[in-house]
Amino acid sequence: GKSNYQIIQQADIIFFNGGDQSRHSRCWLTDNGTPNDLMKIIISKAVDNKIVLVGTSAGTMIMPDIIFG
């Protein structure tokens, strides 16, 4: 809900866990493959160097696709 937006807005670091890359895609992208509203906030903060993005395994592999297309 709305608390997720507040958490992301206040975050200094986002950690993408390992597991299944397709699960990350379903979580952070819309059905047509564009970033959802939460991911748009993360992308904006990443581009402005206001957040650190880290991950492991599938989380690391999906970051470039989600963030940089």
PDB file of N, CA and C in Angstrom:
ATOM      1  N   GLY A   1       0.809  -1.183   0.000  1.00  0.00           N
ATOM      2  CA  GLY A   1       0.000   0.000   0.000  1.00  0.00           C
ATOM      3  C   GLY A   1       0.857   1.254   0.000  1.00  0.00           C
ATOM      4  N   LYS A   2       0.278   2.298   0.503  1.00  0.00           N
ATOM      5  CA  LYS A   2       0.951   3.598   0.496  1.00  0.00           C
ATOM      6  C   LYS A   2       2.222   3.601   1.336  1.00  0.00           C
ATOM      7  N   SER A   3       2.289   2.750   2.346  1.00  0.00           N
ATOM      8  CA  SER A   3       3.502   2.719   3.169  1.00  0.00           C
ATOM      9  C   SER A   3       4.711   2.271   2.349  1.00  0.00           C
ATOM     10  N   ASN A   4       4.507   1.453   1.315  1.00  0.00           N
ATOM     11  CA  ASN A   4       5.617   1.049   0.451  1.00  0.00           C
ATOM     12  C   ASN A   4       6.236   2.255  -0.246  1.00  0.00           C
ATOM     13  N   TYR A   5       5.389   3.195  -0.676  1.00  0.00           N
ATOM     14  CA  TYR A   5       5.899   4.399  -1.324  1.00  0.00           C
ATOM     15  C   TYR A   5       6.743   5.215  -0.343  1.00  0.00           C
ATOM     16  N   GLN A   6       6.284   5.329   0.897  1.00  0.00           N
ATOM     17  CA  GLN A   6       7.031   6.075   1.908  1.00  0.00           C
ATOM     18  C   GLN A   6       8.371   5.404   2.204  1.00  0.00           C
ATOM     19  N   ILE A   7       8.356   4.096   2.312  1.00  0.00           N
ATOM     20  CA  ILE A   7       9.589   3.352   2.583  1.00  0.00           C
ATOM     21  C   ILE A   7      10.597   3.568   1.462  1.00  0.00           C
ATOM     22  N   ILE A   8      10.147   3.451   0.230  1.00  0.00           N
ATOM     23  CA  ILE A   8      11.045   3.625  -0.920  1.00  0.00           C
ATOM     24  C   ILE A   8      11.547   5.064  -0.998  1.00  0.00           C
ATOM     25  N   GLN A   9      10.668   6.023  -0.743  1.00  0.00           N
ATOM     26  CA  GLN A   9      11.072   7.436  -0.779  1.00  0.00           C
ATOM     27  C   GLN A   9      12.162   7.723   0.250  1.00  0.00           C
ATOM     28  N   GLN A  10      12.114   7.066   1.395  1.00  0.00           N
ATOM     29  CA  GLN A  10      13.062   7.320   2.476  1.00  0.00           C
ATOM     30  C   GLN A  10      14.313   6.441   2.395  1.00  0.00           C
ATOM     31  N   ALA A  11      14.292   5.428   1.559  1.00  0.00           N
ATOM     32  CA  ALA A  11      15.391   4.455   1.510  1.00  0.00           C
ATOM     33  C   ALA A  11      16.674   5.064   0.965  1.00  0.00           C
ATOM     34  N   ASP A  12      17.778   4.629   1.538  1.00  0.00           N
ATOM     35  CA  ASP A  12      19.105   4.977   1.035  1.00  0.00           C
ATOM     36  C   ASP A  12      19.696   3.828   0.233  1.00  0.00           C
ATOM     37  N   ILE A  13      19.218   2.618   0.511  1.00  0.00           N
ATOM     38  CA  ILE A  13      19.714   1.407  -0.135  1.00  0.00           C
ATOM     39  C   ILE A  13      18.523   0.518  -0.482  1.00  0.00           C
ATOM     40  N   ILE A  14      18.565  -0.077  -1.674  1.00  0.00           N
ATOM     41  CA  ILE A  14      17.584  -1.095  -2.069  1.00  0.00           C
ATOM     42  C   ILE A  14      18.376  -2.359  -2.375  1.00  0.00           C
ATOM     43  N   PHE A  15      17.954  -3.459  -1.767  1.00  0.00           N
ATOM     44  CA  PHE A  15      18.606  -4.755  -1.980  1.00  0.00           C
ATOM     45  C   PHE A  15      17.654  -5.660  -2.748  1.00  0.00           C
ATOM     46  N   PHE A  16      18.101  -6.128  -3.901  1.00  0.00           N
ATOM     47  CA  PHE A  16      17.337  -7.090  -4.694  1.00  0.00           C
ATOM     48  C   PHE A  16      17.835  -8.485  -4.346  1.00  0.00           C
ATOM     49  N   ASN A  17      16.953  -9.305  -3.789  1.00  0.00           N
ATOM     50  CA  ASN A  17      17.359 -10.644  -3.368  1.00  0.00           C
ATOM     51  C   ASN A  17      17.543 -11.569  -4.553  1.00  0.00           C
ATOM     52  N   GLY A  18      18.149 -12.715  -4.287  1.00  0.00           N
ATOM     53  CA  GLY A  18      18.333 -13.723  -5.320  1.00  0.00           C
ATOM     54  C   GLY A  18      17.043 -14.493  -5.557  1.00  0.00           C
ATOM     55  N   GLY A  19      17.130 -15.499  -6.353  1.00  0.00           N
ATOM     56  CA  GLY A  19      15.952 -16.317  -6.630  1.00  0.00           C
ATOM     57  C   GLY A  19      15.658 -16.376  -8.113  1.00  0.00           C
ATOM     58  N   ASP A  20      14.464 -15.993  -8.462  1.00  0.00           N
ATOM     59  CA  ASP A  20      13.943 -16.133  -9.822  1.00  0.00           C
ATOM     60  C   ASP A  20      13.841 -14.762 -10.492  1.00  0.00           C
ATOM     61  N   GLN A  21      14.585 -14.564 -11.571  1.00  0.00           N
ATOM     62  CA  GLN A  21      14.547 -13.283 -12.279  1.00  0.00           C
ATOM     63  C   GLN A  21      13.149 -12.946 -12.775  1.00  0.00           C
ATOM     64  N   SER A  22      12.405 -13.928 -13.200  1.00  0.00           N
ATOM     65  CA  SER A  22      11.045 -13.652 -13.692  1.00  0.00           C
ATOM     66  C   SER A  22      10.148 -13.157 -12.559  1.00  0.00           C
ATOM     67  N   ARG A  23      10.414 -13.596 -11.330  1.00  0.00           N
ATOM     68  CA  ARG A  23       9.647 -13.094 -10.185  1.00  0.00           C
ATOM     69  C   ARG A  23       9.922 -11.611  -9.970  1.00  0.00           C
ATOM     70  N   HIS A  24      11.170 -11.211 -10.111  1.00  0.00           N
ATOM     71  CA  HIS A  24      11.508  -9.795 -10.012  1.00  0.00           C
ATOM     72  C   HIS A  24      10.793  -9.000 -11.095  1.00  0.00           C
ATOM     73  N   SER A  25      10.793  -9.528 -12.293  1.00  0.00           N
ATOM     74  CA  SER A  25      10.114  -8.831 -13.393  1.00  0.00           C
ATOM     75  C   SER A  25       8.630  -8.656 -13.096  1.00  0.00           C
ATOM     76  N   ARG A  26       7.994  -9.698 -12.588  1.00  0.00           N
ATOM     77  CA  ARG A  26       6.563  -9.612 -12.264  1.00  0.00           C
ATOM     78  C   ARG A  26       6.305  -8.625 -11.135  1.00  0.00           C
ATOM     79  N   CYS A  27       7.261  -8.499 -10.224  1.00  0.00           N
ATOM     80  CA  CYS A  27       7.099  -7.604  -9.079  1.00  0.00           C
ATOM     81  C   CYS A  27       7.290  -6.139  -9.461  1.00  0.00           C
ATOM     82  N   TRP A  28       8.286  -5.840 -10.267  1.00  0.00           N
ATOM     83  CA  TRP A  28       8.689  -4.466 -10.515  1.00  0.00           C
ATOM     84  C   TRP A  28       8.242  -3.897 -11.850  1.00  0.00           C
ATOM     85  N   LEU A  29       7.711  -4.730 -12.737  1.00  0.00           N
ATOM     86  CA  LEU A  29       7.287  -4.257 -14.055  1.00  0.00           C
ATOM     87  C   LEU A  29       5.791  -4.471 -14.255  1.00  0.00           C
ATOM     88  N   THR A  30       5.207  -3.658 -15.114  1.00  0.00           N
ATOM     89  CA  THR A  30       3.798  -3.847 -15.472  1.00  0.00           C
ATOM     90  C   THR A  30       3.709  -4.970 -16.503  1.00  0.00           C
ATOM     91  N   ASP A  31       2.497  -5.323 -16.881  1.00  0.00           N
ATOM     92  CA  ASP A  31       2.304  -6.410 -17.848  1.00  0.00           C
ATOM     93  C   ASP A  31       2.939  -6.116 -19.205  1.00  0.00           C
ATOM     94  N   ASN A  32       3.075  -4.820 -19.546  1.00  0.00           N
ATOM     95  CA  ASN A  32       3.681  -4.502 -20.848  1.00  0.00           C
ATOM     96  C   ASN A  32       5.192  -4.286 -20.751  1.00  0.00           C
ATOM     97  N   GLY A  33       5.783  -4.576 -19.583  1.00  0.00           N
ATOM     98  CA  GLY A  33       7.228  -4.528 -19.424  1.00  0.00           C
ATOM     99  C   GLY A  33       7.792  -3.182 -18.984  1.00  0.00           C
ATOM    100  N   THR A  34       6.946  -2.203 -18.753  1.00  0.00           N
ATOM    101  CA  THR A  34       7.422  -0.906 -18.276  1.00  0.00           C
ATOM    102  C   THR A  34       7.478  -0.914 -16.752  1.00  0.00           C
ATOM    103  N   PRO A  35       8.327  -0.074 -16.161  1.00  0.00           N
ATOM    104  CA  PRO A  35       8.427  -0.041 -14.694  1.00  0.00           C
ATOM    105  C   PRO A  35       7.103   0.361 -14.043  1.00  0.00           C
ATOM    106  N   ASN A  36       6.782  -0.292 -12.922  1.00  0.00           N
ATOM    107  CA  ASN A  36       5.584   0.114 -12.181  1.00  0.00           C
ATOM    108  C   ASN A  36       5.916   1.369 -11.375  1.00  0.00           C
ATOM    109  N   ASP A  37       4.940   1.906 -10.670  1.00  0.00           N
ATOM    110  CA  ASP A  37       5.125   3.182  -9.972  1.00  0.00           C
ATOM    111  C   ASP A  37       6.233   3.122  -8.920  1.00  0.00           C
ATOM    112  N   LEU A  38       6.327   2.022  -8.189  1.00  0.00           N
ATOM    113  CA  LEU A  38       7.395   1.902  -7.192  1.00  0.00           C
ATOM    114  C   LEU A  38       8.770   1.868  -7.854  1.00  0.00           C
ATOM    115  N   MET A  39       8.872   1.125  -8.951  1.00  0.00           N
ATOM    116  CA  MET A  39      10.157   1.040  -9.641  1.00  0.00           C
ATOM    117  C   MET A  39      10.528   2.381 -10.271  1.00  0.00           C
ATOM    118  N   LYS A  40       9.543   3.156 -10.695  1.00  0.00           N
ATOM    119  CA  LYS A  40       9.842   4.489 -11.240  1.00  0.00           C
ATOM    120  C   LYS A  40      10.519   5.361 -10.194  1.00  0.00           C
ATOM    121  N   ILE A  41      10.089   5.241  -8.946  1.00  0.00           N
ATOM    122  CA  ILE A  41      10.722   5.995  -7.865  1.00  0.00           C
ATOM    123  C   ILE A  41      12.168   5.528  -7.688  1.00  0.00           C
ATOM    124  N   ILE A  42      12.376   4.221  -7.682  1.00  0.00           N
ATOM    125  CA  ILE A  42      13.718   3.663  -7.518  1.00  0.00           C
ATOM    126  C   ILE A  42      14.626   4.107  -8.662  1.00  0.00           C
ATOM    127  N   ILE A  43      14.133   4.037  -9.883  1.00  0.00           N
ATOM    128  CA  ILE A  43      14.925   4.449 -11.050  1.00  0.00           C
ATOM    129  C   ILE A  43      15.304   5.921 -10.940  1.00  0.00           C
ATOM    130  N   SER A  44      14.339   6.747 -10.584  1.00  0.00           N
ATOM    131  CA  SER A  44      14.605   8.179 -10.453  1.00  0.00           C
ATOM    132  C   SER A  44      15.687   8.447  -9.411  1.00  0.00           C
ATOM    133  N   LYS A  45      15.581   7.777  -8.267  1.00  0.00           N
ATOM    134  CA  LYS A  45      16.578   7.955  -7.216  1.00  0.00           C
ATOM    135  C   LYS A  45      17.940   7.423  -7.653  1.00  0.00           C
ATOM    136  N   ALA A  46      17.959   6.318  -8.388  1.00  0.00           N
ATOM    137  CA  ALA A  46      19.227   5.744  -8.853  1.00  0.00           C
ATOM    138  C   ALA A  46      19.902   6.667  -9.860  1.00  0.00           C
ATOM    139  N   VAL A  47      19.137   7.199 -10.787  1.00  0.00           N
ATOM    140  CA  VAL A  47      19.688   8.095 -11.803  1.00  0.00           C
ATOM    141  C   VAL A  47      20.250   9.359 -11.154  1.00  0.00           C
ATOM    142  N   ASP A  48      19.603   9.823 -10.101  1.00  0.00           N
ATOM    143  CA  ASP A  48      20.046  11.031  -9.389  1.00  0.00           C
ATOM    144  C   ASP A  48      21.094  10.733  -8.313  1.00  0.00           C
ATOM    145  N   ASN A  49      21.575   9.483  -8.262  1.00  0.00           N
ATOM    146  CA  ASN A  49      22.569   9.046  -7.259  1.00  0.00           C
ATOM    147  C   ASN A  49      22.110   9.320  -5.834  1.00  0.00           C
ATOM    148  N   LYS A  50      20.837   9.101  -5.577  1.00  0.00           N
ATOM    149  CA  LYS A  50      20.276   9.300  -4.241  1.00  0.00           C
ATOM    150  C   LYS A  50      19.995   7.983  -3.535  1.00  0.00           C
ATOM    151  N   ILE A  51      20.369   6.880  -4.176  1.00  0.00           N
ATOM    152  CA  ILE A  51      20.127   5.567  -3.595  1.00  0.00           C
ATOM    153  C   ILE A  51      21.214   4.613  -4.073  1.00  0.00           C
ATOM    154  N   VAL A  52      21.529   3.648  -3.254  1.00  0.00           N
ATOM    155  CA  VAL A  52      22.475   2.595  -3.617  1.00  0.00           C
ATOM    156  C   VAL A  52      21.661   1.352  -3.919  1.00  0.00           C
ATOM    157  N   LEU A  53      21.912   0.738  -5.068  1.00  0.00           N
ATOM    158  CA  LEU A  53      21.236  -0.502  -5.445  1.00  0.00           C
ATOM    159  C   LEU A  53      22.231  -1.647  -5.336  1.00  0.00           C
ATOM    160  N   VAL A  54      21.835  -2.691  -4.625  1.00  0.00           N
ATOM    161  CA  VAL A  54      22.678  -3.878  -4.475  1.00  0.00           C
ATOM    162  C   VAL A  54      21.801  -5.115  -4.629  1.00  0.00           C
ATOM    163  N   GLY A  55      22.433  -6.218  -4.877  1.00  0.00           N
ATOM    164  CA  GLY A  55      21.680  -7.452  -4.998  1.00  0.00           C
ATOM    165  C   GLY A  55      22.591  -8.649  -5.003  1.00  0.00           C
ATOM    166  N   THR A  56      21.977  -9.810  -5.033  1.00  0.00           N
ATOM    167  CA  THR A  56      22.713 -11.058  -5.088  1.00  0.00           C
ATOM    168  C   THR A  56      22.042 -11.969  -6.107  1.00  0.00           C
ATOM    169  N   SER A  57      22.833 -12.682  -6.837  1.00  0.00           N
ATOM    170  CA  SER A  57      22.339 -13.689  -7.771  1.00  0.00           C
ATOM    171  C   SER A  57      21.327 -13.087  -8.738  1.00  0.00           C
ATOM    172  N   ALA A  58      20.106 -13.579  -8.741  1.00  0.00           N
ATOM    173  CA  ALA A  58      19.083 -13.097  -9.687  1.00  0.00           C
ATOM    174  C   ALA A  58      18.800 -11.611  -9.478  1.00  0.00           C
ATOM    175  N   GLY A  59      18.907 -11.140  -8.255  1.00  0.00           N
ATOM    176  CA  GLY A  59      18.687  -9.717  -7.989  1.00  0.00           C
ATOM    177  C   GLY A  59      19.713  -8.840  -8.672  1.00  0.00           C
ATOM    178  N   THR A  60      20.958  -9.301  -8.671  1.00  0.00           N
ATOM    179  CA  THR A  60      22.012  -8.564  -9.361  1.00  0.00           C
ATOM    180  C   THR A  60      21.802  -8.601 -10.866  1.00  0.00           C
ATOM    181  N   MET A  61      21.405  -9.743 -11.372  1.00  0.00           N
ATOM    182  CA  MET A  61      21.233  -9.896 -12.811  1.00  0.00           C
ATOM    183  C   MET A  61      20.050  -9.102 -13.346  1.00  0.00           C
ATOM    184  N   ILE A  62      19.007  -8.939 -12.559  1.00  0.00           N
ATOM    185  CA  ILE A  62      17.819  -8.254 -13.041  1.00  0.00           C
ATOM    186  C   ILE A  62      17.978  -6.736 -12.972  1.00  0.00           C
ATOM    187  N   MET A  63      18.830  -6.238 -12.086  1.00  0.00           N
ATOM    188  CA  MET A  63      18.972  -4.784 -11.926  1.00  0.00           C
ATOM    189  C   MET A  63      19.275  -4.052 -13.223  1.00  0.00           C
ATOM    190  N   PRO A  64      20.273  -4.475 -14.000  1.00  0.00           N
ATOM    191  CA  PRO A  64      20.531  -3.738 -15.236  1.00  0.00           C
ATOM    192  C   PRO A  64      19.331  -3.711 -16.171  1.00  0.00           C
ATOM    193  N   ASP A  65      18.597  -4.817 -16.260  1.00  0.00           N
ATOM    194  CA  ASP A  65      17.422  -4.863 -17.132  1.00  0.00           C
ATOM    195  C   ASP A  65      16.327  -3.925 -16.648  1.00  0.00           C
ATOM    196  N   ILE A  66      16.088  -3.913 -15.358  1.00  0.00           N
ATOM    197  CA  ILE A  66      15.023  -3.080 -14.815  1.00  0.00           C
ATOM    198  C   ILE A  66      15.411  -1.610 -14.848  1.00  0.00           C
ATOM    199  N   ILE A  67      16.619  -1.312 -14.429  1.00  0.00           N
ATOM    200  CA  ILE A  67      17.041   0.081 -14.301  1.00  0.00           C
ATOM    201  C   ILE A  67      17.431   0.685 -15.647  1.00  0.00           C
ATOM    202  N   PHE A  68      18.194  -0.049 -16.431  1.00  0.00           N
ATOM    203  CA  PHE A  68      18.760   0.530 -17.642  1.00  0.00           C
ATOM    204  C   PHE A  68      18.126   0.020 -18.930  1.00  0.00           C
ATOM    205  N   GLY A  69      17.152  -0.894 -18.788  1.00  0.00           N
ATOM    206  CA  GLY A  69      16.444  -1.392 -19.969  1.00  0.00           C
ATOM    207  C   GLY A  69      17.286  -2.312 -20.716  1.00  0.00           C
TER     208      GLY A  69
END
